Amino acid sequence: MAAINQTKTSKKSDINIRAENLIRNTKILNIARLAKMLVDLYGQDEPFKKVGKHKGREIELYLKELDGYITFILTTDRNNFNCHAEKAIDPVARIIINVKEEKIIPVISSIIRSKSNIFGLAKLLKYIIPGKAKIKGSYIAAIRLVRCLMIGKHEMYKMSK
């Protein structure tokens, strides 16, 4: 009887683990889709033109609390911007977001809503200095990606004031 009960509990725990993995992967995929959608709708062409020699390179965003990866491929054309929710094959830079799960969306949202200028980049320091965000690899490539994601110069923000 003990063997039967043990297999039932292991099946239940296996189902729970798979359900948790599915929820975690869905959250990561939704963040990736949201980033792509915001860049498609509100992105500016100017930062994409400044990608330069990093065109075609992969930048990996690692969400530590969700233990998941989003890979962005840099491009010089905003219409070709793409990202997918998986580990990068050969990333030139890795951005690590190290905040609690409920703070991931506000941190990414704050970065995305910033303007793509020196003041917007200075806003990143409030995440880098305390260790909420870390950059490993090429800082220039990571900054190019972040500038491409920033949509704060869009007319939508001017109308709300």
Protein backbone atom coordinates (compact mmCIF):
# COMPACT_ATOMS: atom_id res chain seq x y z
CA MET A 1 0.00 0.00 0.00
CA ALA A 2 2.87 2.38 0.69
CA ALA A 3 4.17 2.03 -2.87
CA ILE A 4 0.78 2.90 -4.34
CA ASN A 5 0.42 5.99 -2.17
CA GLN A 6 3.96 7.07 -2.99
CA THR A 7 3.37 6.93 -6.76
CA LYS A 8 0.12 8.88 -6.40
CA THR A 9 1.86 11.65 -4.47
CA SER A 10 4.75 11.71 -6.93
CA LYS A 11 2.29 12.06 -9.84
CA LYS A 12 0.55 14.91 -8.03
CA SER A 13 3.83 16.67 -7.33
CA ASP A 14 4.90 16.14 -10.97
CA ILE A 15 1.67 17.74 -12.15
CA ASN A 16 2.20 20.66 -9.75
CA ILE A 17 5.74 21.18 -11.01
CA ARG A 18 4.61 21.12 -14.63
CA ALA A 19 1.78 23.54 -13.83
CA GLU A 20 4.21 25.94 -12.13
CA ASN A 21 6.59 25.72 -15.09
CA LEU A 22 3.73 26.43 -17.50
CA ILE A 23 2.66 29.50 -15.50
CA ARG A 24 6.26 30.76 -15.31
CA ASN A 25 6.84 30.23 -19.04
CA THR A 26 3.56 31.96 -19.85
CA LYS A 27 4.58 35.01 -17.82
CA ILE A 28 7.94 35.20 -19.61
CA LEU A 29 6.31 34.78 -23.03
CA ASN A 30 3.78 37.53 -22.24
CA ILE A 31 6.58 39.93 -21.26
CA ALA A 32 8.36 39.18 -24.55
CA ARG A 33 5.17 39.70 -26.56
CA LEU A 34 4.44 42.93 -24.72
CA ALA A 35 7.91 44.29 -25.49
CA LYS A 36 7.55 43.42 -29.18
CA MET A 37 4.06 44.89 -29.37
CA LEU A 38 5.09 48.16 -27.70
CA VAL A 39 8.06 48.58 -30.03
CA ASP A 40 5.86 47.80 -33.07
CA LEU A 41 3.21 50.31 -32.02
CA TYR A 42 5.12 53.11 -30.31
CA GLY A 43 8.80 52.54 -31.07
CA GLN A 44 10.98 55.22 -32.63
CA ASP A 45 13.12 54.59 -35.72
CA GLU A 46 16.04 56.73 -34.52
CA PRO A 47 17.54 54.28 -31.95
CA PHE A 48 17.35 51.41 -34.44
CA LYS A 49 19.43 53.37 -36.95
CA LYS A 50 22.17 53.71 -34.31
CA VAL A 51 22.53 49.95 -33.72
CA GLY A 52 25.51 49.92 -36.08
CA LYS A 53 27.94 47.02 -35.85
CA HIS A 54 25.75 45.16 -33.34
CA LYS A 55 23.14 44.41 -36.02
CA GLY A 56 22.09 40.75 -35.88
CA ARG A 57 23.62 40.18 -32.45
CA GLU A 58 21.67 38.61 -29.61
CA ILE A 59 21.05 40.30 -26.28
CA GLU A 60 19.72 38.09 -23.51
CA LEU A 61 17.37 39.36 -20.80
CA TYR A 62 17.40 37.02 -17.80
CA LEU A 63 14.56 37.32 -15.29
CA LYS A 64 16.11 35.75 -12.21
CA GLU A 65 12.96 35.37 -10.13
CA LEU A 66 11.12 33.62 -12.97
CA ASP A 67 14.29 31.78 -14.05
CA GLY A 68 13.58 32.59 -17.66
CA TYR A 69 15.22 34.17 -20.67
CA ILE A 70 14.08 36.56 -23.38
CA THR A 71 16.37 36.92 -26.37
CA PHE A 72 16.33 40.12 -28.42
CA ILE A 73 17.98 40.30 -31.83
CA LEU A 74 19.26 43.77 -32.69
CA THR A 75 18.28 45.18 -36.06
CA THR A 76 18.55 48.51 -37.85
CA ASP A 77 14.90 48.42 -38.95
CA ARG A 78 12.17 48.75 -36.32
CA ASN A 79 9.79 46.66 -38.42
CA ASN A 80 12.17 43.68 -38.22
CA PHE A 81 12.53 43.86 -34.41
CA ASN A 82 12.03 40.44 -32.89
CA CYS A 83 12.36 38.66 -29.59
CA HIS A 84 11.62 35.18 -28.32
CA ALA A 85 11.32 33.57 -24.91
CA GLU A 86 14.32 31.26 -24.84
CA LYS A 87 18.00 31.25 -23.94
CA ALA A 88 20.28 32.96 -26.45
CA ILE A 89 22.73 30.86 -28.44
CA ASP A 90 25.57 33.40 -28.56
CA PRO A 91 24.65 36.58 -26.64
CA VAL A 92 26.91 39.59 -26.93
CA ALA A 93 25.43 40.93 -23.67
CA ARG A 94 23.25 39.67 -20.88
CA ILE A 95 20.92 41.88 -18.84
CA ILE A 96 19.92 40.35 -15.53
CA ILE A 97 16.81 41.63 -13.76
CA ASN A 98 17.09 40.69 -10.09
CA VAL A 99 13.85 41.81 -8.43
CA LYS A 100 10.89 40.00 -6.90
CA GLU A 101 8.33 38.57 -9.29
CA GLU A 102 5.72 41.25 -8.60
CA LYS A 103 8.27 44.01 -9.33
CA ILE A 104 9.43 42.69 -12.73
CA ILE A 105 6.68 44.36 -14.77
CA PRO A 106 7.02 47.77 -13.02
CA VAL A 107 10.81 47.77 -13.56
CA ILE A 108 10.56 46.83 -17.24
CA SER A 109 7.66 49.26 -17.70
CA SER A 110 9.64 52.10 -16.15
CA ILE A 111 12.56 51.44 -18.47
CA ILE A 112 10.36 51.16 -21.56
CA ARG A 113 8.44 54.38 -20.81
CA SER A 114 11.66 56.39 -20.52
CA LYS A 115 12.87 58.67 -23.29
CA SER A 116 15.69 57.41 -25.48
CA ASN A 117 18.17 60.13 -24.44
CA ILE A 118 20.85 60.68 -21.82
CA PHE A 119 18.27 61.37 -19.09
CA GLY A 120 16.43 58.14 -19.90
CA LEU A 121 19.69 56.24 -19.68
CA ALA A 122 20.47 57.96 -16.38
CA LYS A 123 17.17 56.58 -15.12
CA LEU A 124 18.68 53.12 -15.57
CA LEU A 125 21.21 53.90 -12.87
CA LYS A 126 18.53 53.63 -10.19
CA TYR A 127 18.27 49.95 -11.13
CA ILE A 128 21.94 49.23 -11.83
CA ILE A 129 23.47 50.83 -8.71
CA PRO A 130 21.40 48.88 -6.13
CA GLY A 131 21.79 45.67 -8.15
CA LYS A 132 18.22 45.33 -9.40
CA ALA A 133 19.63 45.12 -12.92
CA LYS A 134 23.06 43.96 -14.02
CA ILE A 135 24.76 43.97 -17.40
CA LYS A 136 27.28 41.30 -18.31
CA GLY A 137 29.13 41.48 -21.59
CA SER A 138 28.99 44.44 -23.93
CA TYR A 139 27.55 47.49 -22.18
CA ILE A 140 27.25 49.31 -25.52
CA ALA A 141 25.14 46.54 -27.07
CA ALA A 142 22.92 46.37 -23.97
CA ILE A 143 22.43 50.15 -24.06
CA ARG A 144 21.58 49.98 -27.78
CA LEU A 145 18.87 47.41 -26.99
CA VAL A 146 17.48 49.43 -24.10
CA ARG A 147 17.36 52.55 -26.28
CA CYS A 148 15.45 50.60 -28.92
CA LEU A 149 12.92 49.52 -26.28
CA MET A 150 12.40 53.05 -24.90
CA ILE A 151 9.20 54.59 -26.25
CA GLY A 152 9.02 57.74 -24.08
CA LYS A 153 9.48 60.12 -27.04
CA HIS A 154 6.25 58.99 -28.69
CA GLU A 155 3.55 61.62 -29.26
CA MET A 156 1.24 59.70 -26.94
CA TYR A 157 3.24 60.94 -23.95
CA LYS A 158 3.17 64.55 -25.17
CA MET A 159 -0.64 64.52 -25.48
CA SER A 160 -1.17 63.31 -21.90
CA LYS A 161 0.53 66.41 -20.45
